[in-house]
Amino acid sequence: MVLDYKIVEENNIQILFLSGELIDKNQANDLIIHVNELLESGNHKFIIDLADLKYMNSSGLNVLIQLLTKTRNNGGDSVICNVSKKVNELLIITKLNTLFKVADNKEAAMKLLS
């Protein structure tokens, strides 16, 4: 299965909807390019919605870290929401749950970014 994504803007916040599997950093090349373009055009707040992400491994975590780092280095921030039980366990095991802001849903994520 491949990684698919769409990006929607709502209240000056970019919402990244990821679906499929994130198991190879090369799968996210287009996503990274798209995020870089958004950052260059002044968009610095991102919600990463993982509701439709079926599976993610350590390479996928690296992609999320890269997205978070890019937004923070540009004066913004990212919040992850709708995290599955398996992905949440991965965040806890790797202690990345302390690095990322994690929200239960999009509305809670928007509050964290406002």
PDB file of N, CA and C in Angstrom:
ATOM      1  N   MET A   1       0.846  -1.186   0.000  1.00  0.00           N
ATOM      2  CA  MET A   1       0.000   0.000   0.000  1.00  0.00           C
ATOM      3  C   MET A   1       0.887   1.244   0.000  1.00  0.00           C
ATOM      4  N   VAL A   2       0.385   2.294  -0.565  1.00  0.00           N
ATOM      5  CA  VAL A   2       1.153   3.525  -0.691  1.00  0.00           C
ATOM      6  C   VAL A   2       0.627   4.583   0.276  1.00  0.00           C
ATOM      7  N   LEU A   3       1.415   5.616   0.436  1.00  0.00           N
ATOM      8  CA  LEU A   3       0.997   6.765   1.226  1.00  0.00           C
ATOM      9  C   LEU A   3       0.272   7.731   0.309  1.00  0.00           C
ATOM     10  N   ASP A   4      -0.854   8.206   0.771  1.00  0.00           N
ATOM     11  CA  ASP A   4      -1.581   9.236   0.047  1.00  0.00           C
ATOM     12  C   ASP A   4      -1.837  10.372   1.028  1.00  0.00           C
ATOM     13  N   TYR A   5      -1.976  11.575   0.519  1.00  0.00           N
ATOM     14  CA  TYR A   5      -2.245  12.711   1.394  1.00  0.00           C
ATOM     15  C   TYR A   5      -3.048  13.763   0.658  1.00  0.00           C
ATOM     16  N   LYS A   6      -3.721  14.575   1.452  1.00  0.00           N
ATOM     17  CA  LYS A   6      -4.335  15.790   0.919  1.00  0.00           C
ATOM     18  C   LYS A   6      -4.151  16.861   1.979  1.00  0.00           C
ATOM     19  N   ILE A   7      -4.083  18.095   1.517  1.00  0.00           N
ATOM     20  CA  ILE A   7      -3.886  19.222   2.416  1.00  0.00           C
ATOM     21  C   ILE A   7      -5.031  20.205   2.209  1.00  0.00           C
ATOM     22  N   VAL A   8      -5.660  20.569   3.312  1.00  0.00           N
ATOM     23  CA  VAL A   8      -6.784  21.494   3.297  1.00  0.00           C
ATOM     24  C   VAL A   8      -6.460  22.632   4.257  1.00  0.00           C
ATOM     25  N   GLU A   9      -6.790  23.855   3.863  1.00  0.00           N
ATOM     26  CA  GLU A   9      -6.576  24.991   4.761  1.00  0.00           C
ATOM     27  C   GLU A   9      -7.872  25.342   5.458  1.00  0.00           C
ATOM     28  N   GLU A  10      -7.785  25.542   6.774  1.00  0.00           N
ATOM     29  CA  GLU A  10      -8.945  25.938   7.558  1.00  0.00           C
ATOM     30  C   GLU A  10      -8.470  26.898   8.642  1.00  0.00           C
ATOM     31  N   ASN A  11      -9.002  28.102   8.658  1.00  0.00           N
ATOM     32  CA  ASN A  11      -8.615  29.126   9.645  1.00  0.00           C
ATOM     33  C   ASN A  11      -7.106  29.360   9.674  1.00  0.00           C
ATOM     34  N   ASN A  12      -6.492  29.480   8.505  1.00  0.00           N
ATOM     35  CA  ASN A  12      -5.043  29.699   8.371  1.00  0.00           C
ATOM     36  C   ASN A  12      -4.192  28.567   8.940  1.00  0.00           C
ATOM     37  N   ILE A  13      -4.779  27.398   9.077  1.00  0.00           N
ATOM     38  CA  ILE A  13      -4.053  26.209   9.529  1.00  0.00           C
ATOM     39  C   ILE A  13      -4.108  25.188   8.405  1.00  0.00           C
ATOM     40  N   GLN A  14      -2.955  24.622   8.084  1.00  0.00           N
ATOM     41  CA  GLN A  14      -2.878  23.597   7.051  1.00  0.00           C
ATOM     42  C   GLN A  14      -3.148  22.236   7.703  1.00  0.00           C
ATOM     43  N   ILE A  15      -4.134  21.521   7.187  1.00  0.00           N
ATOM     44  CA  ILE A  15      -4.464  20.206   7.739  1.00  0.00           C
ATOM     45  C   ILE A  15      -4.014  19.153   6.741  1.00  0.00           C
ATOM     46  N   LEU A  16      -3.072  18.318   7.164  1.00  0.00           N
ATOM     47  CA  LEU A  16      -2.532  17.252   6.334  1.00  0.00           C
ATOM     48  C   LEU A  16      -3.248  15.960   6.700  1.00  0.00           C
ATOM     49  N   PHE A  17      -3.995  15.414   5.770  1.00  0.00           N
ATOM     50  CA  PHE A  17      -4.673  14.139   5.977  1.00  0.00           C
ATOM     51  C   PHE A  17      -3.819  13.053   5.336  1.00  0.00           C
ATOM     52  N   LEU A  18      -3.247  12.174   6.160  1.00  0.00           N
ATOM     53  CA  LEU A  18      -2.420  11.090   5.644  1.00  0.00           C
ATOM     54  C   LEU A  18      -3.239   9.806   5.633  1.00  0.00           C
ATOM     55  N   SER A  19      -3.090   9.026   4.564  1.00  0.00           N
ATOM     56  CA  SER A  19      -3.788   7.744   4.494  1.00  0.00           C
ATOM     57  C   SER A  19      -2.875   6.707   3.861  1.00  0.00           C
ATOM     58  N   GLY A  20      -3.157   5.455   4.170  1.00  0.00           N
ATOM     59  CA  GLY A  20      -2.349   4.347   3.655  1.00  0.00           C
ATOM     60  C   GLY A  20      -1.311   3.919   4.672  1.00  0.00           C
ATOM     61  N   GLU A  21      -0.100   3.721   4.185  1.00  0.00           N
ATOM     62  CA  GLU A  21       1.002   3.283   5.034  1.00  0.00           C
ATOM     63  C   GLU A  21       2.187   4.217   4.860  1.00  0.00           C
ATOM     64  N   LEU A  22       2.853   4.509   5.955  1.00  0.00           N
ATOM     65  CA  LEU A  22       4.050   5.348   5.929  1.00  0.00           C
ATOM     66  C   LEU A  22       5.200   4.500   6.458  1.00  0.00           C
ATOM     67  N   ILE A  23       5.882   3.813   5.520  1.00  0.00           N
ATOM     68  CA  ILE A  23       6.923   2.868   5.921  1.00  0.00           C
ATOM     69  C   ILE A  23       8.261   3.129   5.234  1.00  0.00           C
ATOM     70  N   ASP A  24       8.315   4.170   4.406  1.00  0.00           N
ATOM     71  CA  ASP A  24       9.551   4.489   3.703  1.00  0.00           C
ATOM     72  C   ASP A  24       9.596   5.991   3.498  1.00  0.00           C
ATOM     73  N   LYS A  25      10.727   6.605   3.866  1.00  0.00           N
ATOM     74  CA  LYS A  25      10.818   8.063   3.768  1.00  0.00           C
ATOM     75  C   LYS A  25      10.605   8.557   2.339  1.00  0.00           C
ATOM     76  N   ASN A  26      10.959   7.745   1.352  1.00  0.00           N
ATOM     77  CA  ASN A  26      10.792   8.152  -0.043  1.00  0.00           C
ATOM     78  C   ASN A  26       9.323   8.281  -0.434  1.00  0.00           C
ATOM     79  N   GLN A  27       8.443   7.604   0.307  1.00  0.00           N
ATOM     80  CA  GLN A  27       7.007   7.727   0.036  1.00  0.00           C
ATOM     81  C   GLN A  27       6.526   9.151   0.269  1.00  0.00           C
ATOM     82  N   ALA A  28       7.209   9.870   1.151  1.00  0.00           N
ATOM     83  CA  ALA A  28       6.748  11.187   1.570  1.00  0.00           C
ATOM     84  C   ALA A  28       7.444  12.330   0.846  1.00  0.00           C
ATOM     85  N   ASN A  29       8.217  12.043  -0.187  1.00  0.00           N
ATOM     86  CA  ASN A  29       8.948  13.107  -0.895  1.00  0.00           C
ATOM     87  C   ASN A  29       8.022  14.217  -1.385  1.00  0.00           C
ATOM     88  N   ASP A  30       6.920  13.853  -2.024  1.00  0.00           N
ATOM     89  CA  ASP A  30       5.980  14.863  -2.534  1.00  0.00           C
ATOM     90  C   ASP A  30       5.363  15.661  -1.382  1.00  0.00           C
ATOM     91  N   LEU A  31       5.049  14.971  -0.293  1.00  0.00           N
ATOM     92  CA  LEU A  31       4.484  15.635   0.872  1.00  0.00           C
ATOM     93  C   LEU A  31       5.468  16.656   1.441  1.00  0.00           C
ATOM     94  N   ILE A  32       6.728  16.283   1.577  1.00  0.00           N
ATOM     95  CA  ILE A  32       7.755  17.182   2.110  1.00  0.00           C
ATOM     96  C   ILE A  32       7.915  18.405   1.202  1.00  0.00           C
ATOM     97  N   ILE A  33       7.937  18.181  -0.103  1.00  0.00           N
ATOM     98  CA  ILE A  33       8.046  19.293  -1.057  1.00  0.00           C
ATOM     99  C   ILE A  33       6.852  20.235  -0.903  1.00  0.00           C
ATOM    100  N   HIS A  34       5.663  19.666  -0.798  1.00  0.00           N
ATOM    101  CA  HIS A  34       4.439  20.461  -0.656  1.00  0.00           C
ATOM    102  C   HIS A  34       4.482  21.284   0.637  1.00  0.00           C
ATOM    103  N   VAL A  35       4.912  20.664   1.738  1.00  0.00           N
ATOM    104  CA  VAL A  35       5.007  21.372   3.015  1.00  0.00           C
ATOM    105  C   VAL A  35       6.043  22.488   2.922  1.00  0.00           C
ATOM    106  N   ASN A  36       7.179  22.223   2.282  1.00  0.00           N
ATOM    107  CA  ASN A  36       8.197  23.268   2.104  1.00  0.00           C
ATOM    108  C   ASN A  36       7.625  24.466   1.356  1.00  0.00           C
ATOM    109  N   GLU A  37       6.840  24.209   0.311  1.00  0.00           N
ATOM    110  CA  GLU A  37       6.220  25.289  -0.461  1.00  0.00           C
ATOM    111  C   GLU A  37       5.246  26.090   0.410  1.00  0.00           C
ATOM    112  N   LEU A  38       4.482  25.388   1.240  1.00  0.00           N
ATOM    113  CA  LEU A  38       3.546  26.071   2.134  1.00  0.00           C
ATOM    114  C   LEU A  38       4.295  26.927   3.151  1.00  0.00           C
ATOM    115  N   LEU A  39       5.385  26.401   3.695  1.00  0.00           N
ATOM    116  CA  LEU A  39       6.191  27.162   4.658  1.00  0.00           C
ATOM    117  C   LEU A  39       6.782  28.411   4.005  1.00  0.00           C
ATOM    118  N   GLU A  40       7.279  28.258   2.771  1.00  0.00           N
ATOM    119  CA  GLU A  40       7.864  29.394   2.055  1.00  0.00           C
ATOM    120  C   GLU A  40       6.827  30.470   1.763  1.00  0.00           C
ATOM    121  N   SER A  41       5.574  30.071   1.636  1.00  0.00           N
ATOM    122  CA  SER A  41       4.521  31.051   1.350  1.00  0.00           C
ATOM    123  C   SER A  41       3.878  31.601   2.633  1.00  0.00           C
ATOM    124  N   GLY A  42       4.466  31.287   3.789  1.00  0.00           N
ATOM    125  CA  GLY A  42       4.020  31.898   5.034  1.00  0.00           C
ATOM    126  C   GLY A  42       3.073  31.084   5.885  1.00  0.00           C
ATOM    127  N   ASN A  43       2.818  29.854   5.508  1.00  0.00           N
ATOM    128  CA  ASN A  43       1.958  28.985   6.308  1.00  0.00           C
ATOM    129  C   ASN A  43       2.828  28.229   7.316  1.00  0.00           C
ATOM    130  N   HIS A  44       2.558  28.431   8.616  1.00  0.00           N
ATOM    131  CA  HIS A  44       3.434  27.857   9.628  1.00  0.00           C
ATOM    132  C   HIS A  44       2.730  26.980  10.648  1.00  0.00           C
ATOM    133  N   LYS A  45       1.428  26.822  10.531  1.00  0.00           N
ATOM    134  CA  LYS A  45       0.682  25.990  11.476  1.00  0.00           C
ATOM    135  C   LYS A  45       0.105  24.788  10.735  1.00  0.00           C
ATOM    136  N   PHE A  46       0.402  23.600  11.266  1.00  0.00           N
ATOM    137  CA  PHE A  46      -0.015  22.373  10.603  1.00  0.00           C
ATOM    138  C   PHE A  46      -0.662  21.407  11.586  1.00  0.00           C
ATOM    139  N   ILE A  47      -1.718  20.775  11.133  1.00  0.00           N
ATOM    140  CA  ILE A  47      -2.310  19.636  11.841  1.00  0.00           C
ATOM    141  C   ILE A  47      -2.056  18.425  10.960  1.00  0.00           C
ATOM    142  N   ILE A  48      -1.520  17.380  11.549  1.00  0.00           N
ATOM    143  CA  ILE A  48      -1.269  16.137  10.822  1.00  0.00           C
ATOM    144  C   ILE A  48      -2.300  15.120  11.305  1.00  0.00           C
ATOM    145  N   ASP A  49      -3.298  14.872  10.465  1.00  0.00           N
ATOM    146  CA  ASP A  49      -4.409  13.985  10.816  1.00  0.00           C
ATOM    147  C   ASP A  49      -4.069  12.569  10.364  1.00  0.00           C
ATOM    148  N   LEU A  50      -3.976  11.660  11.328  1.00  0.00           N
ATOM    149  CA  LEU A  50      -3.570  10.283  11.038  1.00  0.00           C
ATOM    150  C   LEU A  50      -4.735   9.296  11.078  1.00  0.00           C
ATOM    151  N   ALA A  51      -5.971   9.794  11.001  1.00  0.00           N
ATOM    152  CA  ALA A  51      -7.148   8.927  11.122  1.00  0.00           C
ATOM    153  C   ALA A  51      -7.140   7.783  10.106  1.00  0.00           C
ATOM    154  N   ASP A  52      -6.668   8.048   8.891  1.00  0.00           N
ATOM    155  CA  ASP A  52      -6.707   7.029   7.839  1.00  0.00           C
ATOM    156  C   ASP A  52      -5.346   6.397   7.572  1.00  0.00           C
ATOM    157  N   LEU A  53      -4.391   6.625   8.469  1.00  0.00           N
ATOM    158  CA  LEU A  53      -3.078   5.996   8.324  1.00  0.00           C
ATOM    159  C   LEU A  53      -3.163   4.601   8.933  1.00  0.00           C
ATOM    160  N   LYS A  54      -2.981   3.599   8.092  1.00  0.00           N
ATOM    161  CA  LYS A  54      -3.148   2.211   8.531  1.00  0.00           C
ATOM    162  C   LYS A  54      -1.940   1.692   9.294  1.00  0.00           C
ATOM    163  N   TYR A  55      -0.747   2.095   8.862  1.00  0.00           N
ATOM    164  CA  TYR A  55       0.471   1.569   9.485  1.00  0.00           C
ATOM    165  C   TYR A  55       1.600   2.567   9.322  1.00  0.00           C
ATOM    166  N   MET A  56       2.461   2.609  10.325  1.00  0.00           N
ATOM    167  CA  MET A  56       3.633   3.464  10.275  1.00  0.00           C
ATOM    168  C   MET A  56       4.747   2.773  11.044  1.00  0.00           C
ATOM    169  N   ASN A  57       5.969   2.860  10.516  1.00  0.00           N
ATOM    170  CA  ASN A  57       7.124   2.299  11.216  1.00  0.00           C
ATOM    171  C   ASN A  57       8.083   3.426  11.577  1.00  0.00           C
ATOM    172  N   SER A  58       9.313   3.078  11.939  1.00  0.00           N
ATOM    173  CA  SER A  58      10.282   4.092  12.357  1.00  0.00           C
ATOM    174  C   SER A  58      10.605   5.074  11.236  1.00  0.00           C
ATOM    175  N   SER A  59      10.603   4.626   9.991  1.00  0.00           N
ATOM    176  CA  SER A  59      10.818   5.549   8.871  1.00  0.00           C
ATOM    177  C   SER A  59       9.683   6.565   8.793  1.00  0.00           C
ATOM    178  N   GLY A  60       8.479   6.107   9.056  1.00  0.00           N
ATOM    179  CA  GLY A  60       7.336   7.015   9.096  1.00  0.00           C
ATOM    180  C   GLY A  60       7.449   8.021  10.222  1.00  0.00           C
ATOM    181  N   LEU A  61       7.936   7.564  11.373  1.00  0.00           N
ATOM    182  CA  LEU A  61       8.161   8.484  12.495  1.00  0.00           C
ATOM    183  C   LEU A  61       9.175   9.552  12.114  1.00  0.00           C
ATOM    184  N   ASN A  62      10.208   9.157  11.383  1.00  0.00           N
ATOM    185  CA  ASN A  62      11.213  10.124  10.937  1.00  0.00           C
ATOM    186  C   ASN A  62      10.592  11.192  10.042  1.00  0.00           C
ATOM    187  N   VAL A  63       9.641  10.805   9.218  1.00  0.00           N
ATOM    188  CA  VAL A  63       8.946  11.777   8.367  1.00  0.00           C
ATOM    189  C   VAL A  63       8.172  12.770   9.244  1.00  0.00           C
ATOM    190  N   LEU A  64       7.475  12.258  10.263  1.00  0.00           N
ATOM    191  CA  LEU A  64       6.736  13.145  11.166  1.00  0.00           C
ATOM    192  C   LEU A  64       7.680  14.089  11.901  1.00  0.00           C
ATOM    193  N   ILE A  65       8.816  13.579  12.339  1.00  0.00           N
ATOM    194  CA  ILE A  65       9.816  14.414  13.013  1.00  0.00           C
ATOM    195  C   ILE A  65      10.318  15.495  12.060  1.00  0.00           C
ATOM    196  N   GLN A  66      10.543  15.115  10.808  1.00  0.00           N
ATOM    197  CA  GLN A  66      11.002  16.080   9.804  1.00  0.00           C
ATOM    198  C   GLN A  66       9.966  17.186   9.606  1.00  0.00           C
ATOM    199  N   LEU A  67       8.690  16.830   9.524  1.00  0.00           N
ATOM    200  CA  LEU A  67       7.627  17.825   9.368  1.00  0.00           C
ATOM    201  C   LEU A  67       7.570  18.750  10.581  1.00  0.00           C
ATOM    202  N   LEU A  68       7.651  18.174  11.772  1.00  0.00           N
ATOM    203  CA  LEU A  68       7.618  18.969  12.995  1.00  0.00           C
ATOM    204  C   LEU A  68       8.798  19.923  13.060  1.00  0.00           C
ATOM    205  N   THR A  69       9.985  19.422  12.747  1.00  0.00           N
ATOM    206  CA  THR A  69      11.198  20.244  12.788  1.00  0.00           C
ATOM    207  C   THR A  69      11.102  21.401  11.802  1.00  0.00           C
ATOM    208  N   LYS A  70      10.640  21.121  10.583  1.00  0.00           N
ATOM    209  CA  LYS A  70      10.511  22.168   9.567  1.00  0.00           C
ATOM    210  C   LYS A  70       9.560  23.267  10.028  1.00  0.00           C
ATOM    211  N   THR A  71       8.418  22.885  10.593  1.00  0.00           N
ATOM    212  CA  THR A  71       7.460  23.912  11.009  1.00  0.00           C
ATOM    213  C   THR A  71       8.007  24.723  12.181  1.00  0.00           C
ATOM    214  N   ARG A  72       8.630  24.067  13.132  1.00  0.00           N
ATOM    215  CA  ARG A  72       9.168  24.797  14.294  1.00  0.00           C
ATOM    216  C   ARG A  72      10.346  25.687  13.900  1.00  0.00           C
ATOM    217  N   ASN A  73      11.180  25.218  12.975  1.00  0.00           N
ATOM    218  CA  ASN A  73      12.308  26.041  12.515  1.00  0.00           C
ATOM    219  C   ASN A  73      11.840  27.275  11.754  1.00  0.00           C
ATOM    220  N   ASN A  74      10.617  27.245  11.265  1.00  0.00           N
ATOM    221  CA  ASN A  74      10.042  28.385  10.541  1.00  0.00           C
ATOM    222  C   ASN A  74       9.093  29.202  11.416  1.00  0.00           C
ATOM    223  N   GLY A  75       9.196  29.023  12.725  1.00  0.00           N
ATOM    224  CA  GLY A  75       8.392  29.810  13.647  1.00  0.00           C
ATOM    225  C   GLY A  75       6.975  29.324  13.843  1.00  0.00           C
ATOM    226  N   GLY A  76       6.682  28.121  13.394  1.00  0.00           N
ATOM    227  CA  GLY A  76       5.338  27.580  13.538  1.00  0.00           C
ATOM    228  C   GLY A  76       5.310  26.362  14.431  1.00  0.00           C
ATOM    229  N   ASP A  77       4.292  25.536  14.235  1.00  0.00           N
ATOM    230  CA  ASP A  77       4.183  24.316  15.013  1.00  0.00           C
ATOM    231  C   ASP A  77       3.284  23.326  14.287  1.00  0.00           C
ATOM    232  N   SER A  78       3.368  22.078  14.721  1.00  0.00           N
ATOM    233  CA  SER A  78       2.535  21.007  14.184  1.00  0.00           C
ATOM    234  C   SER A  78       1.901  20.244  15.336  1.00  0.00           C
ATOM    235  N   VAL A  79       0.672  19.801  15.119  1.00  0.00           N
ATOM    236  CA  VAL A  79      -0.037  18.968  16.081  1.00  0.00           C
ATOM    237  C   VAL A  79      -0.512  17.728  15.340  1.00  0.00           C
ATOM    238  N   ILE A  80      -0.341  16.589  15.971  1.00  0.00           N
ATOM    239  CA  ILE A  80      -0.821  15.326  15.400  1.00  0.00           C
ATOM    240  C   ILE A  80      -2.172  15.019  16.037  1.00  0.00           C
ATOM    241  N   CYS A  81      -3.121  14.564  15.223  1.00  0.00           N
ATOM    242  CA  CYS A  81      -4.423  14.198  15.785  1.00  0.00           C
ATOM    243  C   CYS A  81      -4.940  12.902  15.173  1.00  0.00           C
ATOM    244  N   ASN A  82      -5.988  12.386  15.811  1.00  0.00           N
ATOM    245  CA  ASN A  82      -6.627  11.133  15.380  1.00  0.00           C
ATOM    246  C   ASN A  82      -5.610   9.997  15.252  1.00  0.00           C
ATOM    247  N   VAL A  83      -4.818   9.838  16.291  1.00  0.00           N
ATOM    248  CA  VAL A  83      -3.759   8.829  16.296  1.00  0.00           C
ATOM    249  C   VAL A  83      -4.355   7.477  16.674  1.00  0.00           C
ATOM    250  N   SER A  84      -4.052   6.458  15.869  1.00  0.00           N
ATOM    251  CA  SER A  84      -4.539   5.111  16.178  1.00  0.00           C
ATOM    252  C   SER A  84      -3.817   4.560  17.401  1.00  0.00           C
ATOM    253  N   LYS A  85      -4.381   3.509  17.968  1.00  0.00           N
ATOM    254  CA  LYS A  85      -3.782   2.885  19.150  1.00  0.00           C
ATOM    255  C   LYS A  85      -2.364   2.411  18.859  1.00  0.00           C
ATOM    256  N   LYS A  86      -2.159   1.793  17.697  1.00  0.00           N
ATOM    257  CA  LYS A  86      -0.830   1.277  17.340  1.00  0.00           C
ATOM    258  C   LYS A  86       0.187   2.397  17.179  1.00  0.00           C
ATOM    259  N   VAL A  87      -0.191   3.461  16.508  1.00  0.00           N
ATOM    260  CA  VAL A  87       0.730   4.589  16.305  1.00  0.00           C
ATOM    261  C   VAL A  87       1.000   5.274  17.642  1.00  0.00           C
ATOM    262  N   ASN A  88      -0.022   5.402  18.484  1.00  0.00           N
ATOM    263  CA  ASN A  88       0.170   6.000  19.797  1.00  0.00           C
ATOM    264  C   ASN A  88       1.157   5.175  20.624  1.00  0.00           C
ATOM    265  N   GLU A  89       1.043   3.849  20.560  1.00  0.00           N
ATOM    266  CA  GLU A  89       1.991   2.986  21.266  1.00  0.00           C
ATOM    267  C   GLU A  89       3.409   3.211  20.753  1.00  0.00           C
ATOM    268  N   LEU A  90       3.551   3.381  19.450  1.00  0.00           N
ATOM    269  CA  LEU A  90       4.859   3.648  18.853  1.00  0.00           C
ATOM    270  C   LEU A  90       5.422   4.971  19.368  1.00  0.00           C
ATOM    271  N   LEU A  91       4.571   5.987  19.479  1.00  0.00           N
ATOM    272  CA  LEU A  91       5.004   7.282  20.008  1.00  0.00           C
ATOM    273  C   LEU A  91       5.438   7.159  21.470  1.00  0.00           C
ATOM    274  N   ILE A  92       4.711   6.367  22.238  1.00  0.00           N
ATOM    275  CA  ILE A  92       5.048   6.195  23.654  1.00  0.00           C
ATOM    276  C   ILE A  92       6.339   5.403  23.821  1.00  0.00           C
ATOM    277  N   ILE A  93       6.480   4.305  23.089  1.00  0.00           N
ATOM    278  CA  ILE A  93       7.681   3.458  23.188  1.00  0.00           C
ATOM    279  C   ILE A  93       8.937   4.252  22.848  1.00  0.00           C
ATOM    280  N   THR A  94       8.835   5.100  21.828  1.00  0.00           N
ATOM    281  CA  THR A  94       9.999   5.882  21.388  1.00  0.00           C
ATOM    282  C   THR A  94      10.135   7.195  22.161  1.00  0.00           C
ATOM    283  N   LYS A  95       9.199   7.439  23.086  1.00  0.00           N
ATOM    284  CA  LYS A  95       9.156   8.667  23.890  1.00  0.00           C
ATOM    285  C   LYS A  95       8.946   9.924  23.036  1.00  0.00           C
ATOM    286  N   LEU A  96       8.475   9.743  21.810  1.00  0.00           N
ATOM    287  CA  LEU A  96       8.203  10.880  20.943  1.00  0.00           C
ATOM    288  C   LEU A  96       6.901  11.583  21.320  1.00  0.00           C
ATOM    289  N   ASN A  97       6.111  10.939  22.180  1.00  0.00           N
ATOM    290  CA  ASN A  97       4.887  11.592  22.646  1.00  0.00           C
ATOM    291  C   ASN A  97       5.214  12.835  23.477  1.00  0.00           C
ATOM    292  N   THR A  98       6.464  12.941  23.953  1.00  0.00           N
ATOM    293  CA  THR A  98       6.875  14.141  24.687  1.00  0.00           C
ATOM    294  C   THR A  98       7.344  15.244  23.729  1.00  0.00           C
ATOM    295  N   LEU A  99       7.704  14.865  22.517  1.00  0.00           N
ATOM    296  CA  LEU A  99       8.169  15.825  21.508  1.00  0.00           C
ATOM    297  C   LEU A  99       6.997  16.441  20.741  1.00  0.00           C
ATOM    298  N   PHE A 100       6.037  15.606  20.396  1.00  0.00           N
ATOM    299  CA  PHE A 100       4.894  16.046  19.603  1.00  0.00           C
ATOM    300  C   PHE A 100       3.752  16.513  20.493  1.00  0.00           C
ATOM    301  N   LYS A 101       3.004  17.483  19.992  1.00  0.00           N
ATOM    302  CA  LYS A 101       1.712  17.803  20.585  1.00  0.00           C
ATOM    303  C   LYS A 101       0.720  16.855  19.936  1.00  0.00           C
ATOM    304  N   VAL A 102      -0.008  16.113  20.754  1.00  0.00           N
ATOM    305  CA  VAL A 102      -0.966  15.138  20.241  1.00  0.00           C
ATOM    306  C   VAL A 102      -2.352  15.508  20.746  1.00  0.00           C
ATOM    307  N   ALA A 103      -3.317  15.553  19.826  1.00  0.00           N
ATOM    308  CA  ALA A 103      -4.699  15.873  20.168  1.00  0.00           C
ATOM    309  C   ALA A 103      -5.603  14.716  19.750  1.00  0.00           C
ATOM    310  N   ASP A 104      -6.732  14.597  20.433  1.00  0.00           N
ATOM    311  CA  ASP A 104      -7.666  13.521  20.115  1.00  0.00           C
ATOM    312  C   ASP A 104      -8.318  13.693  18.755  1.00  0.00           C
ATOM    313  N   ASN A 105      -8.600  14.964  18.380  1.00  0.00           N
ATOM    314  CA  ASN A 105      -9.297  15.214  17.120  1.00  0.00           C
ATOM    315  C   ASN A 105      -8.870  16.563  16.551  1.00  0.00           C
ATOM    316  N   LYS A 106      -9.402  16.873  15.378  1.00  0.00           N
ATOM    317  CA  LYS A 106      -9.019  18.102  14.675  1.00  0.00           C
ATOM    318  C   LYS A 106      -9.376  19.350  15.475  1.00  0.00           C
ATOM    319  N   GLU A 107     -10.533  19.355  16.111  1.00  0.00           N
ATOM    320  CA  GLU A 107     -10.971  20.523  16.871  1.00  0.00           C
ATOM    321  C   GLU A 107     -10.004  20.802  18.033  1.00  0.00           C
ATOM    322  N   ALA A 108      -9.614  19.755  18.744  1.00  0.00           N
ATOM    323  CA  ALA A 108      -8.664  19.908  19.851  1.00  0.00           C
ATOM    324  C   ALA A 108      -7.302  20.367  19.335  1.00  0.00           C
ATOM    325  N   ALA A 109      -6.903  19.869  18.172  1.00  0.00           N
ATOM    326  CA  ALA A 109      -5.627  20.266  17.570  1.00  0.00           C
ATOM    327  C   ALA A 109      -5.661  21.747  17.198  1.00  0.00           C
ATOM    328  N   MET A 110      -6.790  22.214  16.671  1.00  0.00           N
ATOM    329  CA  MET A 110      -6.909  23.625  16.303  1.00  0.00           C
ATOM    330  C   MET A 110      -6.785  24.515  17.530  1.00  0.00           C
ATOM    331  N   LYS A 111      -7.346  24.090  18.653  1.00  0.00           N
ATOM    332  CA  LYS A 111      -7.236  24.866  19.891  1.00  0.00           C
ATOM    333  C   LYS A 111      -5.780  24.946  20.340  1.00  0.00           C
ATOM    334  N   LEU A 112      -5.037  23.855  20.198  1.00  0.00           N
ATOM    335  CA  LEU A 112      -3.616  23.851  20.587  1.00  0.00           C
ATOM    336  C   LEU A 112      -2.802  24.822  19.739  1.00  0.00           C
ATOM    337  N   LEU A 113      -3.212  25.037  18.494  1.00  0.00           N
ATOM    338  CA  LEU A 113      -2.459  25.907  17.587  1.00  0.00           C
ATOM    339  C   LEU A 113      -2.918  27.365  17.646  1.00  0.00           C
ATOM    340  N   SER A 114      -4.037  27.643  18.310  1.00  0.00           N
ATOM    341  CA  SER A 114      -4.536  29.027  18.313  1.00  0.00           C
ATOM    342  C   SER A 114      -3.990  29.817  19.486  1.00  0.00           C
TER     343      SER A 114
END
